[in-house]
């Protein structure tokens, strides 16, 4: 169209209509598209105070934790654990072993492991009565499900998640049995509490009195339909898994499972340029920890997510259900698929 007296061209009516229609469509779409408000991250951590410490067995300390103001704590069920954020920065998981009906306190029990990663020693030496500690949870990675018949297998400190289950089964009137094993009676926590339960349902087996138990000794009462709950050292769990054939088996480890199909690979720590060799039977976490002792970790089994690290180069053999893709990995369980990884460490 010709320009007007000021040199401006008149707008073509066709394009005026098209523009109006387009703007109308966009306006209608905006009405249908929900506006997502900013969501502030929720801190689910708690600051608790150590109300009581008690020697439960040789090298085992029990801690009772409560709110500083004595208020109610979040509910929990048998099988739940707390994440303790220790003063050193270490993060460790410990099973709740008290009474779920007690909303004023949480109880955990920790065995001192001189050759461990330092978390248990810190609990024993630093978490004295009156000390505050940050926790997260409770969380449940070992849920206790309803059944008419139970067989509970506990090895040493593995009694911690099992004890509330046994007490819940007794209250529910279920048919249950407990086999509790350990090196000696002096190393077994909570024997005094178990003494208050029907003695005919509990078998205490110690290595010094009865020898190391076989899987047949542990699973003698595992009849058809029995729900078996097992927690203890890796050899005990592996023996039970290998021999189990009836009912349903639920188990929780306190240590990582052995690596039986691993291949060696190398890891480059991008921030220092250091290259580390990871052996076939070794986790990347173990190898990295020798070079970088401050590396964060906790469960060592691939479920807590503490040791997640960004992958800068290489292909990851994801071995944890919580791994979310090739741009990061849980170095406690996942490995390299192509022989080499570069990590943001």
C-alpha atoms as a PDB file:
ATOM      1  CA  UNK A   1       0.000   0.000   0.000  1.00  0.00           C
ATOM      2  CA  UNK A   2       1.223   3.586  -0.621  1.00  0.00           C
ATOM      3  CA  UNK A   3       2.678   5.522   2.330  1.00  0.00           C
ATOM      4  CA  UNK A   4       0.717   8.288   4.057  1.00  0.00           C
ATOM      5  CA  UNK A   5       1.771  11.946   4.225  1.00  0.00           C
ATOM      6  CA  UNK A   6       4.284  11.135   7.015  1.00  0.00           C
ATOM      7  CA  UNK A   7       5.914   8.335   4.990  1.00  0.00           C
ATOM      8  CA  UNK A   8       4.310   5.529   6.974  1.00  0.00           C
ATOM      9  CA  UNK A   9       2.881   2.606   5.106  1.00  0.00           C
ATOM     10  CA  UNK A  10      -0.665   1.585   5.874  1.00  0.00           C
ATOM     11  CA  UNK A  11      -1.077  -1.845   7.467  1.00  0.00           C
ATOM     12  CA  UNK A  12      -2.506  -4.556   5.250  1.00  0.00           C
ATOM     13  CA  UNK A  13      -5.967  -5.492   6.670  1.00  0.00           C
ATOM     14  CA  UNK A  14      -5.256  -9.176   6.011  1.00  0.00           C
ATOM     15  CA  UNK A  15      -2.172  -9.217   8.253  1.00  0.00           C
ATOM     16  CA  UNK A  16      -3.958  -7.132  10.871  1.00  0.00           C
ATOM     17  CA  UNK A  17      -6.603  -9.869  11.134  1.00  0.00           C
ATOM     18  CA  UNK A  18      -3.971 -12.658  11.179  1.00  0.00           C
ATOM     19  CA  UNK A  19      -2.034 -10.913  13.956  1.00  0.00           C
ATOM     20  CA  UNK A  20      -5.177 -10.420  16.022  1.00  0.00           C
ATOM     21  CA  UNK A  21      -6.089 -14.119  15.661  1.00  0.00           C
ATOM     22  CA  UNK A  22      -2.576 -15.200  16.672  1.00  0.00           C
ATOM     23  CA  UNK A  23      -2.585 -12.939  19.728  1.00  0.00           C
ATOM     24  CA  UNK A  24      -6.023 -14.285  20.670  1.00  0.00           C
ATOM     25  CA  UNK A  25      -4.845 -17.880  20.464  1.00  0.00           C
ATOM     26  CA  UNK A  26      -1.834 -17.109  22.645  1.00  0.00           C
ATOM     27  CA  UNK A  27      -4.094 -15.412  25.195  1.00  0.00           C
ATOM     28  CA  UNK A  28      -6.430 -18.443  25.330  1.00  0.00           C
ATOM     29  CA  UNK A  29      -3.448 -20.778  25.775  1.00  0.00           C
ATOM     30  CA  UNK A  30      -2.181 -18.649  28.623  1.00  0.00           C
ATOM     31  CA  UNK A  31      -5.497 -19.149  30.385  1.00  0.00           C
ATOM     32  CA  UNK A  32      -5.164 -22.938  30.082  1.00  0.00           C
ATOM     33  CA  UNK A  33      -1.515 -23.136  31.116  1.00  0.00           C
ATOM     34  CA  UNK A  34      -1.240 -23.309  34.896  1.00  0.00           C
ATOM     35  CA  UNK A  35       1.119 -20.892  36.529  1.00  0.00           C
ATOM     36  CA  UNK A  36       3.528 -22.941  38.647  1.00  0.00           C
ATOM     37  CA  UNK A  37       4.459 -20.936  41.723  1.00  0.00           C
ATOM     38  CA  UNK A  38       7.956 -20.973  43.120  1.00  0.00           C
ATOM     39  CA  UNK A  39       8.299 -23.837  45.555  1.00  0.00           C
ATOM     40  CA  UNK A  40      10.695 -23.241  48.389  1.00  0.00           C
ATOM     41  CA  UNK A  41      12.760 -26.350  49.201  1.00  0.00           C
ATOM     42  CA  UNK A  42      11.612 -27.959  52.438  1.00  0.00           C
ATOM     43  CA  UNK A  43      14.254 -28.767  55.024  1.00  0.00           C
ATOM     44  CA  UNK A  44      13.115 -32.067  56.500  1.00  0.00           C
ATOM     45  CA  UNK A  45      15.989 -32.182  58.934  1.00  0.00           C
ATOM     46  CA  UNK A  46      15.548 -32.134  62.691  1.00  0.00           C
ATOM     47  CA  UNK A  47      17.810 -30.910  65.435  1.00  0.00           C
ATOM     48  CA  UNK A  48      17.660 -33.394  68.300  1.00  0.00           C
ATOM     49  CA  UNK A  49      19.396 -33.617  71.635  1.00  0.00           C
ATOM     50  CA  UNK A  50      20.964 -36.735  73.135  1.00  0.00           C
ATOM     51  CA  UNK A  51      18.729 -37.445  76.123  1.00  0.00           C
ATOM     52  CA  UNK A  52      20.445 -40.630  77.276  1.00  0.00           C
ATOM     53  CA  UNK A  53      23.344 -42.939  76.424  1.00  0.00           C
ATOM     54  CA  UNK A  54      23.486 -46.535  77.613  1.00  0.00           C
ATOM     55  CA  UNK A  55      25.871 -49.424  77.146  1.00  0.00           C
ATOM     56  CA  UNK A  56      23.775 -52.129  75.486  1.00  0.00           C
ATOM     57  CA  UNK A  57      26.536 -54.711  74.882  1.00  0.00           C
ATOM     58  CA  UNK A  58      30.283 -54.941  74.365  1.00  0.00           C
ATOM     59  CA  UNK A  59      31.193 -52.001  72.096  1.00  0.00           C
ATOM     60  CA  UNK A  60      27.503 -51.122  71.564  1.00  0.00           C
ATOM     61  CA  UNK A  61      26.059 -47.828  72.798  1.00  0.00           C
ATOM     62  CA  UNK A  62      22.375 -47.001  72.764  1.00  0.00           C
ATOM     63  CA  UNK A  63      21.309 -43.375  72.268  1.00  0.00           C
ATOM     64  CA  UNK A  64      17.932 -41.871  73.011  1.00  0.00           C
ATOM     65  CA  UNK A  65      17.274 -38.695  71.018  1.00  0.00           C
ATOM     66  CA  UNK A  66      14.522 -36.146  71.522  1.00  0.00           C
ATOM     67  CA  UNK A  67      13.413 -32.662  70.545  1.00  0.00           C
ATOM     68  CA  UNK A  68      15.139 -29.904  72.562  1.00  0.00           C
ATOM     69  CA  UNK A  69      11.714 -28.614  73.662  1.00  0.00           C
ATOM     70  CA  UNK A  70      10.382 -32.087  74.412  1.00  0.00           C
ATOM     71  CA  UNK A  71       7.870 -31.880  71.563  1.00  0.00           C
ATOM     72  CA  UNK A  72       6.411 -34.678  69.476  1.00  0.00           C
ATOM     73  CA  UNK A  73       8.580 -36.316  66.836  1.00  0.00           C
ATOM     74  CA  UNK A  74       7.496 -37.563  63.382  1.00  0.00           C
ATOM     75  CA  UNK A  75       5.910 -41.008  63.383  1.00  0.00           C
ATOM     76  CA  UNK A  76       7.823 -44.087  62.246  1.00  0.00           C
ATOM     77  CA  UNK A  77       7.243 -47.791  61.599  1.00  0.00           C
ATOM     78  CA  UNK A  78       9.412 -50.865  62.227  1.00  0.00           C
ATOM     79  CA  UNK A  79      12.208 -50.967  59.653  1.00  0.00           C
ATOM     80  CA  UNK A  80      12.735 -47.177  59.615  1.00  0.00           C
ATOM     81  CA  UNK A  81      16.118 -45.535  60.063  1.00  0.00           C
ATOM     82  CA  UNK A  82      17.511 -42.089  60.767  1.00  0.00           C
ATOM     83  CA  UNK A  83      20.240 -40.314  58.834  1.00  0.00           C
ATOM     84  CA  UNK A  84      22.638 -38.807  61.366  1.00  0.00           C
ATOM     85  CA  UNK A  85      24.530 -35.731  60.151  1.00  0.00           C
ATOM     86  CA  UNK A  86      27.518 -35.975  62.452  1.00  0.00           C
ATOM     87  CA  UNK A  87      29.542 -32.928  63.576  1.00  0.00           C
ATOM     88  CA  UNK A  88      32.459 -33.982  61.347  1.00  0.00           C
ATOM     89  CA  UNK A  89      30.231 -33.837  58.251  1.00  0.00           C
ATOM     90  CA  UNK A  90      29.891 -37.616  58.035  1.00  0.00           C
ATOM     91  CA  UNK A  91      26.433 -38.945  57.239  1.00  0.00           C
ATOM     92  CA  UNK A  92      25.408 -42.334  58.620  1.00  0.00           C
ATOM     93  CA  UNK A  93      22.191 -44.368  58.765  1.00  0.00           C
ATOM     94  CA  UNK A  94      21.080 -46.140  61.936  1.00  0.00           C
ATOM     95  CA  UNK A  95      17.940 -48.209  62.420  1.00  0.00           C
ATOM     96  CA  UNK A  96      15.340 -47.069  64.913  1.00  0.00           C
ATOM     97  CA  UNK A  97      15.058 -49.720  67.599  1.00  0.00           C
ATOM     98  CA  UNK A  98      12.731 -48.166  70.158  1.00  0.00           C
ATOM     99  CA  UNK A  99       8.950 -48.091  70.469  1.00  0.00           C
ATOM    100  CA  UNK A 100       7.058 -46.491  67.537  1.00  0.00           C
ATOM    101  CA  UNK A 101       4.347 -45.454  70.004  1.00  0.00           C
ATOM    102  CA  UNK A 102       6.864 -43.241  71.837  1.00  0.00           C
ATOM    103  CA  UNK A 103       6.542 -39.871  70.077  1.00  0.00           C
ATOM    104  CA  UNK A 104       8.928 -38.132  72.491  1.00  0.00           C
ATOM    105  CA  UNK A 105      12.144 -39.972  71.645  1.00  0.00           C
ATOM    106  CA  UNK A 106      13.980 -42.016  69.036  1.00  0.00           C
ATOM    107  CA  UNK A 107      16.374 -44.802  70.001  1.00  0.00           C
ATOM    108  CA  UNK A 108      19.337 -46.074  67.983  1.00  0.00           C
ATOM    109  CA  UNK A 109      22.185 -48.435  68.845  1.00  0.00           C
ATOM    110  CA  UNK A 110      25.667 -48.247  67.327  1.00  0.00           C
ATOM    111  CA  UNK A 111      28.483 -50.780  67.481  1.00  0.00           C
ATOM    112  CA  UNK A 112      31.967 -49.279  67.642  1.00  0.00           C
ATOM    113  CA  UNK A 113      33.997 -50.321  64.577  1.00  0.00           C
ATOM    114  CA  UNK A 114      37.657 -49.296  64.972  1.00  0.00           C
ATOM    115  CA  UNK A 115      38.433 -50.298  61.372  1.00  0.00           C
ATOM    116  CA  UNK A 116      35.324 -48.606  59.926  1.00  0.00           C
ATOM    117  CA  UNK A 117      34.903 -45.216  58.316  1.00  0.00           C
ATOM    118  CA  UNK A 118      34.983 -43.272  61.594  1.00  0.00           C
ATOM    119  CA  UNK A 119      31.252 -42.693  61.990  1.00  0.00           C
ATOM    120  CA  UNK A 120      30.707 -45.207  64.789  1.00  0.00           C
ATOM    121  CA  UNK A 121      33.728 -43.928  66.724  1.00  0.00           C
ATOM    122  CA  UNK A 122      32.387 -40.381  66.457  1.00  0.00           C
ATOM    123  CA  UNK A 123      29.000 -41.494  67.779  1.00  0.00           C
ATOM    124  CA  UNK A 124      30.626 -43.274  70.736  1.00  0.00           C
ATOM    125  CA  UNK A 125      33.005 -40.455  71.633  1.00  0.00           C
ATOM    126  CA  UNK A 126      31.201 -37.233  70.689  1.00  0.00           C
ATOM    127  CA  UNK A 127      27.451 -37.819  71.060  1.00  0.00           C
ATOM    128  CA  UNK A 128      27.294 -37.546  74.824  1.00  0.00           C
ATOM    129  CA  UNK A 129      24.213 -36.627  76.831  1.00  0.00           C
ATOM    130  CA  UNK A 130      23.156 -33.048  76.147  1.00  0.00           C
ATOM    131  CA  UNK A 131      24.853 -32.866  72.735  1.00  0.00           C
ATOM    132  CA  UNK A 132      22.714 -31.790  69.780  1.00  0.00           C
ATOM    133  CA  UNK A 133      22.799 -33.538  66.414  1.00  0.00           C
ATOM    134  CA  UNK A 134      21.078 -32.993  63.086  1.00  0.00           C
ATOM    135  CA  UNK A 135      19.080 -35.882  61.667  1.00  0.00           C
ATOM    136  CA  UNK A 136      16.936 -36.543  58.622  1.00  0.00           C
ATOM    137  CA  UNK A 137      14.083 -38.989  58.480  1.00  0.00           C
ATOM    138  CA  UNK A 138      12.698 -41.296  59.602  1.00  0.00           C
ATOM    139  CA  UNK A 139      12.882 -43.163  56.291  1.00  0.00           C
ATOM    140  CA  UNK A 140      11.974 -46.775  55.575  1.00  0.00           C
ATOM    141  CA  UNK A 141      14.081 -48.951  53.270  1.00  0.00           C
ATOM    142  CA  UNK A 142      13.123 -52.183  55.090  1.00  0.00           C
ATOM    143  CA  UNK A 143       9.313 -52.121  55.405  1.00  0.00           C
ATOM    144  CA  UNK A 144       7.556 -54.529  57.755  1.00  0.00           C
ATOM    145  CA  UNK A 145       4.547 -56.052  55.994  1.00  0.00           C
ATOM    146  CA  UNK A 146       1.546 -57.830  57.468  1.00  0.00           C
ATOM    147  CA  UNK A 147       1.721 -61.628  57.589  1.00  0.00           C
ATOM    148  CA  UNK A 148       0.290 -64.464  59.642  1.00  0.00           C
ATOM    149  CA  UNK A 149       3.690 -66.087  60.169  1.00  0.00           C
ATOM    150  CA  UNK A 150       7.186 -64.600  60.599  1.00  0.00           C
ATOM    151  CA  UNK A 151      10.726 -65.829  60.985  1.00  0.00           C
ATOM    152  CA  UNK A 152      13.167 -63.156  62.156  1.00  0.00           C
ATOM    153  CA  UNK A 153      16.924 -63.663  61.703  1.00  0.00           C
ATOM    154  CA  UNK A 154      19.261 -61.192  63.401  1.00  0.00           C
ATOM    155  CA  UNK A 155      23.047 -61.224  63.465  1.00  0.00           C
ATOM    156  CA  UNK A 156      24.661 -59.048  66.139  1.00  0.00           C
ATOM    157  CA  UNK A 157      23.821 -55.370  65.677  1.00  0.00           C
ATOM    158  CA  UNK A 158      21.350 -56.536  63.013  1.00  0.00           C
ATOM    159  CA  UNK A 159      18.864 -56.854  65.875  1.00  0.00           C
ATOM    160  CA  UNK A 160      18.213 -53.093  65.687  1.00  0.00           C
ATOM    161  CA  UNK A 161      15.604 -53.098  62.881  1.00  0.00           C
ATOM    162  CA  UNK A 162      14.377 -56.583  63.864  1.00  0.00           C
ATOM    163  CA  UNK A 163      13.519 -55.827  67.502  1.00  0.00           C
ATOM    164  CA  UNK A 164      10.583 -53.459  66.757  1.00  0.00           C
ATOM    165  CA  UNK A 165       9.313 -55.981  64.181  1.00  0.00           C
ATOM    166  CA  UNK A 166       9.332 -58.793  66.738  1.00  0.00           C
ATOM    167  CA  UNK A 167       7.482 -56.644  69.246  1.00  0.00           C
ATOM    168  CA  UNK A 168       4.930 -55.596  66.593  1.00  0.00           C
ATOM    169  CA  UNK A 169       4.356 -59.242  65.588  1.00  0.00           C
ATOM    170  CA  UNK A 170       3.793 -60.156  69.238  1.00  0.00           C
ATOM    171  CA  UNK A 171       1.283 -57.333  69.720  1.00  0.00           C
ATOM    172  CA  UNK A 172      -0.539 -58.370  66.539  1.00  0.00           C
ATOM    173  CA  UNK A 173      -0.886 -61.957  67.770  1.00  0.00           C
ATOM    174  CA  UNK A 174       1.027 -63.338  64.774  1.00  0.00           C
ATOM    175  CA  UNK A 175       2.921 -66.617  64.774  1.00  0.00           C
ATOM    176  CA  UNK A 176       6.607 -65.700  64.933  1.00  0.00           C
ATOM    177  CA  UNK A 177      10.082 -67.039  65.704  1.00  0.00           C
ATOM    178  CA  UNK A 178      13.407 -65.228  66.234  1.00  0.00           C
ATOM    179  CA  UNK A 179      16.899 -66.657  65.717  1.00  0.00           C
ATOM    180  CA  UNK A 180      19.478 -64.262  67.178  1.00  0.00           C
ATOM    181  CA  UNK A 181      23.158 -64.969  66.495  1.00  0.00           C
ATOM    182  CA  UNK A 182      26.487 -63.441  67.445  1.00  0.00           C
ATOM    183  CA  UNK A 183      30.010 -64.130  68.617  1.00  0.00           C
ATOM    184  CA  UNK A 184      29.065 -64.321  72.313  1.00  0.00           C
ATOM    185  CA  UNK A 185      26.270 -63.230  74.607  1.00  0.00           C
ATOM    186  CA  UNK A 186      28.366 -60.245  75.696  1.00  0.00           C
ATOM    187  CA  UNK A 187      28.199 -58.880  72.133  1.00  0.00           C
ATOM    188  CA  UNK A 188      24.405 -59.167  71.761  1.00  0.00           C
ATOM    189  CA  UNK A 189      22.421 -56.010  72.586  1.00  0.00           C
ATOM    190  CA  UNK A 190      18.873 -55.978  73.997  1.00  0.00           C
ATOM    191  CA  UNK A 191      18.907 -59.462  75.521  1.00  0.00           C
ATOM    192  CA  UNK A 192      17.153 -57.973  78.545  1.00  0.00           C
ATOM    193  CA  UNK A 193      14.251 -56.748  76.401  1.00  0.00           C
ATOM    194  CA  UNK A 194      13.954 -60.044  74.558  1.00  0.00           C
ATOM    195  CA  UNK A 195      13.698 -61.795  77.939  1.00  0.00           C
ATOM    196  CA  UNK A 196      10.275 -60.180  78.337  1.00  0.00           C
ATOM    197  CA  UNK A 197       8.910 -61.984  75.259  1.00  0.00           C
ATOM    198  CA  UNK A 198       7.689 -65.605  75.109  1.00  0.00           C
ATOM    199  CA  UNK A 199      10.923 -67.639  75.494  1.00  0.00           C
ATOM    200  CA  UNK A 200       9.686 -70.535  73.373  1.00  0.00           C
ATOM    201  CA  UNK A 201       9.753 -68.312  70.292  1.00  0.00           C
ATOM    202  CA  UNK A 202      13.365 -67.139  70.632  1.00  0.00           C
ATOM    203  CA  UNK A 203      16.581 -69.024  69.898  1.00  0.00           C
ATOM    204  CA  UNK A 204      19.898 -67.443  70.941  1.00  0.00           C
ATOM    205  CA  UNK A 205      22.868 -68.962  69.079  1.00  0.00           C
ATOM    206  CA  UNK A 206      26.394 -67.760  69.820  1.00  0.00           C
ATOM    207  CA  UNK A 207      29.540 -68.893  68.043  1.00  0.00           C
ATOM    208  CA  UNK A 208      31.382 -69.625  71.289  1.00  0.00           C
ATOM    209  CA  UNK A 209      28.600 -71.911  72.553  1.00  0.00           C
ATOM    210  CA  UNK A 210      27.082 -73.446  69.412  1.00  0.00           C
ATOM    211  CA  UNK A 211      29.548 -72.787  66.590  1.00  0.00           C
ATOM    212  CA  UNK A 212      28.905 -70.720  63.486  1.00  0.00           C
ATOM    213  CA  UNK A 213      25.322 -71.448  62.356  1.00  0.00           C
ATOM    214  CA  UNK A 214      24.566 -73.005  58.992  1.00  0.00           C
ATOM    215  CA  UNK A 215      21.759 -71.791  56.769  1.00  0.00           C
ATOM    216  CA  UNK A 216      19.742 -74.900  57.718  1.00  0.00           C
ATOM    217  CA  UNK A 217      19.985 -73.891  61.392  1.00  0.00           C
ATOM    218  CA  UNK A 218      18.688 -70.424  60.598  1.00  0.00           C
ATOM    219  CA  UNK A 219      15.865 -71.427  58.257  1.00  0.00           C
ATOM    220  CA  UNK A 220      14.546 -74.434  60.180  1.00  0.00           C
ATOM    221  CA  UNK A 221      11.247 -72.672  60.957  1.00  0.00           C
ATOM    222  CA  UNK A 222      10.777 -71.100  57.503  1.00  0.00           C
ATOM    223  CA  UNK A 223       7.676 -72.984  56.414  1.00  0.00           C
ATOM    224  CA  UNK A 224       5.499 -72.255  53.370  1.00  0.00           C
ATOM    225  CA  UNK A 225       3.937 -68.814  53.594  1.00  0.00           C
ATOM    226  CA  UNK A 226       6.388 -67.599  56.237  1.00  0.00           C
ATOM    227  CA  UNK A 227       7.698 -64.053  55.852  1.00  0.00           C
ATOM    228  CA  UNK A 228      11.421 -64.100  56.656  1.00  0.00           C
ATOM    229  CA  UNK A 229      13.125 -60.885  57.805  1.00  0.00           C
ATOM    230  CA  UNK A 230      16.920 -61.005  57.997  1.00  0.00           C
ATOM    231  CA  UNK A 231      19.501 -58.417  59.032  1.00  0.00           C
ATOM    232  CA  UNK A 232      23.125 -59.049  59.854  1.00  0.00           C
ATOM    233  CA  UNK A 233      26.596 -59.461  58.383  1.00  0.00           C
ATOM    234  CA  UNK A 234      26.997 -60.124  54.655  1.00  0.00           C
ATOM    235  CA  UNK A 235      27.990 -63.837  54.995  1.00  0.00           C
ATOM    236  CA  UNK A 236      24.842 -64.523  56.995  1.00  0.00           C
ATOM    237  CA  UNK A 237      22.581 -62.796  54.474  1.00  0.00           C
ATOM    238  CA  UNK A 238      24.271 -64.478  51.508  1.00  0.00           C
ATOM    239  CA  UNK A 239      23.908 -67.915  53.137  1.00  0.00           C
ATOM    240  CA  UNK A 240      20.208 -67.321  53.815  1.00  0.00           C
ATOM    241  CA  UNK A 241      19.585 -66.039  50.285  1.00  0.00           C
ATOM    242  CA  UNK A 242      21.343 -69.058  48.775  1.00  0.00           C
ATOM    243  CA  UNK A 243      19.338 -71.584  50.797  1.00  0.00           C
ATOM    244  CA  UNK A 244      15.943 -69.862  50.902  1.00  0.00           C
ATOM    245  CA  UNK A 245      13.183 -71.570  48.931  1.00  0.00           C
ATOM    246  CA  UNK A 246       9.837 -71.002  50.671  1.00  0.00           C
ATOM    247  CA  UNK A 247       7.778 -67.966  51.662  1.00  0.00           C
ATOM    248  CA  UNK A 248       9.045 -64.422  51.147  1.00  0.00           C
ATOM    249  CA  UNK A 249      12.493 -63.092  52.098  1.00  0.00           C
ATOM    250  CA  UNK A 250      13.179 -59.505  53.185  1.00  0.00           C
ATOM    251  CA  UNK A 251      16.659 -58.452  54.188  1.00  0.00           C
ATOM    252  CA  UNK A 252      18.766 -55.397  54.966  1.00  0.00           C
ATOM    253  CA  UNK A 253      22.545 -55.181  54.870  1.00  0.00           C
ATOM    254  CA  UNK A 254      24.757 -53.132  57.164  1.00  0.00           C
ATOM    255  CA  UNK A 255      27.689 -53.528  54.776  1.00  0.00           C
ATOM    256  CA  UNK A 256      27.980 -53.519  50.971  1.00  0.00           C
ATOM    257  CA  UNK A 257      27.491 -56.749  49.065  1.00  0.00           C
ATOM    258  CA  UNK A 258      30.684 -58.274  47.659  1.00  0.00           C
ATOM    259  CA  UNK A 259      31.490 -57.437  44.032  1.00  0.00           C
ATOM    260  CA  UNK A 260      31.525 -60.692  42.078  1.00  0.00           C
ATOM    261  CA  UNK A 261      31.360 -59.551  38.441  1.00  0.00           C
ATOM    262  CA  UNK A 262      33.429 -56.378  38.429  1.00  0.00           C
ATOM    263  CA  UNK A 263      36.085 -55.433  35.878  1.00  0.00           C
ATOM    264  CA  UNK A 264      38.990 -53.088  36.601  1.00  0.00           C
ATOM    265  CA  UNK A 265      38.755 -49.509  35.378  1.00  0.00           C
ATOM    266  CA  UNK A 266      40.323 -46.107  35.985  1.00  0.00           C
ATOM    267  CA  UNK A 267      38.887 -42.910  37.397  1.00  0.00           C
ATOM    268  CA  UNK A 268      40.265 -39.427  36.801  1.00  0.00           C
ATOM    269  CA  UNK A 269      39.555 -36.826  39.469  1.00  0.00           C
ATOM    270  CA  UNK A 270      39.045 -33.730  37.340  1.00  0.00           C
ATOM    271  CA  UNK A 271      39.828 -31.157  40.034  1.00  0.00           C
ATOM    272  CA  UNK A 272      43.322 -32.531  40.679  1.00  0.00           C
ATOM    273  CA  UNK A 273      44.025 -34.455  37.486  1.00  0.00           C
ATOM    274  CA  UNK A 274      44.790 -37.590  39.524  1.00  0.00           C
ATOM    275  CA  UNK A 275      44.030 -40.934  37.883  1.00  0.00           C
ATOM    276  CA  UNK A 276      43.107 -43.835  40.185  1.00  0.00           C
ATOM    277  CA  UNK A 277      42.880 -47.525  39.408  1.00  0.00           C
ATOM    278  CA  UNK A 278      39.797 -49.408  40.612  1.00  0.00           C
ATOM    279  CA  UNK A 279      40.322 -53.172  41.007  1.00  0.00           C
ATOM    280  CA  UNK A 280      37.792 -55.761  39.828  1.00  0.00           C
ATOM    281  CA  UNK A 281      36.627 -56.511  43.362  1.00  0.00           C
ATOM    282  CA  UNK A 282      36.775 -52.927  44.587  1.00  0.00           C
ATOM    283  CA  UNK A 283      34.236 -50.109  44.444  1.00  0.00           C
ATOM    284  CA  UNK A 284      35.101 -46.737  42.990  1.00  0.00           C
ATOM    285  CA  UNK A 285      34.347 -45.271  46.416  1.00  0.00           C
ATOM    286  CA  UNK A 286      36.975 -47.445  48.096  1.00  0.00           C
ATOM    287  CA  UNK A 287      39.623 -46.481  45.565  1.00  0.00           C
ATOM    288  CA  UNK A 288      38.758 -42.787  45.642  1.00  0.00           C
ATOM    289  CA  UNK A 289      38.606 -42.702  49.443  1.00  0.00           C
ATOM    290  CA  UNK A 290      42.242 -43.842  49.633  1.00  0.00           C
ATOM    291  CA  UNK A 291      43.225 -40.751  47.601  1.00  0.00           C
ATOM    292  CA  UNK A 292      40.499 -38.378  48.815  1.00  0.00           C
ATOM    293  CA  UNK A 293      39.531 -39.276  52.426  1.00  0.00           C
ATOM    294  CA  UNK A 294      36.995 -36.428  52.599  1.00  0.00           C
ATOM    295  CA  UNK A 295      34.775 -37.862  49.830  1.00  0.00           C
ATOM    296  CA  UNK A 296      31.158 -38.007  51.020  1.00  0.00           C
ATOM    297  CA  UNK A 297      29.454 -41.379  51.478  1.00  0.00           C
ATOM    298  CA  UNK A 298      27.119 -43.170  53.842  1.00  0.00           C
ATOM    299  CA  UNK A 299      25.193 -46.380  53.085  1.00  0.00           C
ATOM    300  CA  UNK A 300      27.699 -47.875  50.561  1.00  0.00           C
ATOM    301  CA  UNK A 301      24.802 -49.822  49.021  1.00  0.00           C
ATOM    302  CA  UNK A 302      23.406 -47.412  46.458  1.00  0.00           C
ATOM    303  CA  UNK A 303      20.223 -46.153  48.069  1.00  0.00           C
ATOM    304  CA  UNK A 304      20.989 -43.035  50.153  1.00  0.00           C
ATOM    305  CA  UNK A 305      22.486 -40.912  47.355  1.00  0.00           C
ATOM    306  CA  UNK A 306      25.184 -39.297  49.533  1.00  0.00           C
ATOM    307  CA  UNK A 307      28.051 -40.307  47.225  1.00  0.00           C
ATOM    308  CA  UNK A 308      26.454 -39.149  43.957  1.00  0.00           C
ATOM    309  CA  UNK A 309      29.096 -37.499  41.738  1.00  0.00           C
ATOM    310  CA  UNK A 310      28.807 -35.706  38.379  1.00  0.00           C
ATOM    311  CA  UNK A 311      30.321 -37.650  35.472  1.00  0.00           C
ATOM    312  CA  UNK A 312      32.275 -35.451  33.064  1.00  0.00           C
ATOM    313  CA  UNK A 313      33.405 -38.131  30.624  1.00  0.00           C
ATOM    314  CA  UNK A 314      32.875 -41.849  30.086  1.00  0.00           C
ATOM    315  CA  UNK A 315      29.970 -44.302  30.176  1.00  0.00           C
ATOM    316  CA  UNK A 316      28.576 -45.467  33.499  1.00  0.00           C
ATOM    317  CA  UNK A 317      27.500 -49.013  34.344  1.00  0.00           C
ATOM    318  CA  UNK A 318      24.574 -47.987  36.550  1.00  0.00           C
ATOM    319  CA  UNK A 319      24.103 -50.516  39.346  1.00  0.00           C
ATOM    320  CA  UNK A 320      21.771 -48.690  41.711  1.00  0.00           C
ATOM    321  CA  UNK A 321      18.016 -48.353  41.435  1.00  0.00           C
ATOM    322  CA  UNK A 322      18.362 -44.688  42.413  1.00  0.00           C
ATOM    323  CA  UNK A 323      20.830 -43.846  39.630  1.00  0.00           C
ATOM    324  CA  UNK A 324      19.176 -41.370  37.273  1.00  0.00           C
ATOM    325  CA  UNK A 325      21.226 -41.289  34.093  1.00  0.00           C
ATOM    326  CA  UNK A 326      24.683 -41.057  32.619  1.00  0.00           C
ATOM    327  CA  UNK A 327      25.520 -37.551  33.876  1.00  0.00           C
ATOM    328  CA  UNK A 328      26.064 -38.728  37.456  1.00  0.00           C
ATOM    329  CA  UNK A 329      26.756 -41.916  39.366  1.00  0.00           C
ATOM    330  CA  UNK A 330      26.764 -43.395  42.857  1.00  0.00           C
ATOM    331  CA  UNK A 331      30.418 -44.268  43.275  1.00  0.00           C
ATOM    332  CA  UNK A 332      29.708 -46.801  46.027  1.00  0.00           C
ATOM    333  CA  UNK A 333      28.169 -49.315  43.595  1.00  0.00           C
ATOM    334  CA  UNK A 334      28.171 -48.110  39.966  1.00  0.00           C
ATOM    335  CA  UNK A 335      31.177 -48.693  37.718  1.00  0.00           C
ATOM    336  CA  UNK A 336      32.651 -47.764  34.330  1.00  0.00           C
ATOM    337  CA  UNK A 337      31.283 -49.460  31.246  1.00  0.00           C
ATOM    338  CA  UNK A 338      34.125 -48.454  28.932  1.00  0.00           C
ATOM    339  CA  UNK A 339      37.113 -48.737  31.240  1.00  0.00           C
ATOM    340  CA  UNK A 340      37.526 -45.068  32.220  1.00  0.00           C
ATOM    341  CA  UNK A 341      35.543 -42.280  33.863  1.00  0.00           C
ATOM    342  CA  UNK A 342      36.283 -38.637  34.581  1.00  0.00           C
ATOM    343  CA  UNK A 343      34.497 -37.401  37.687  1.00  0.00           C
ATOM    344  CA  UNK A 344      33.834 -33.947  39.105  1.00  0.00           C
ATOM    345  CA  UNK A 345      36.000 -34.524  42.180  1.00  0.00           C
END
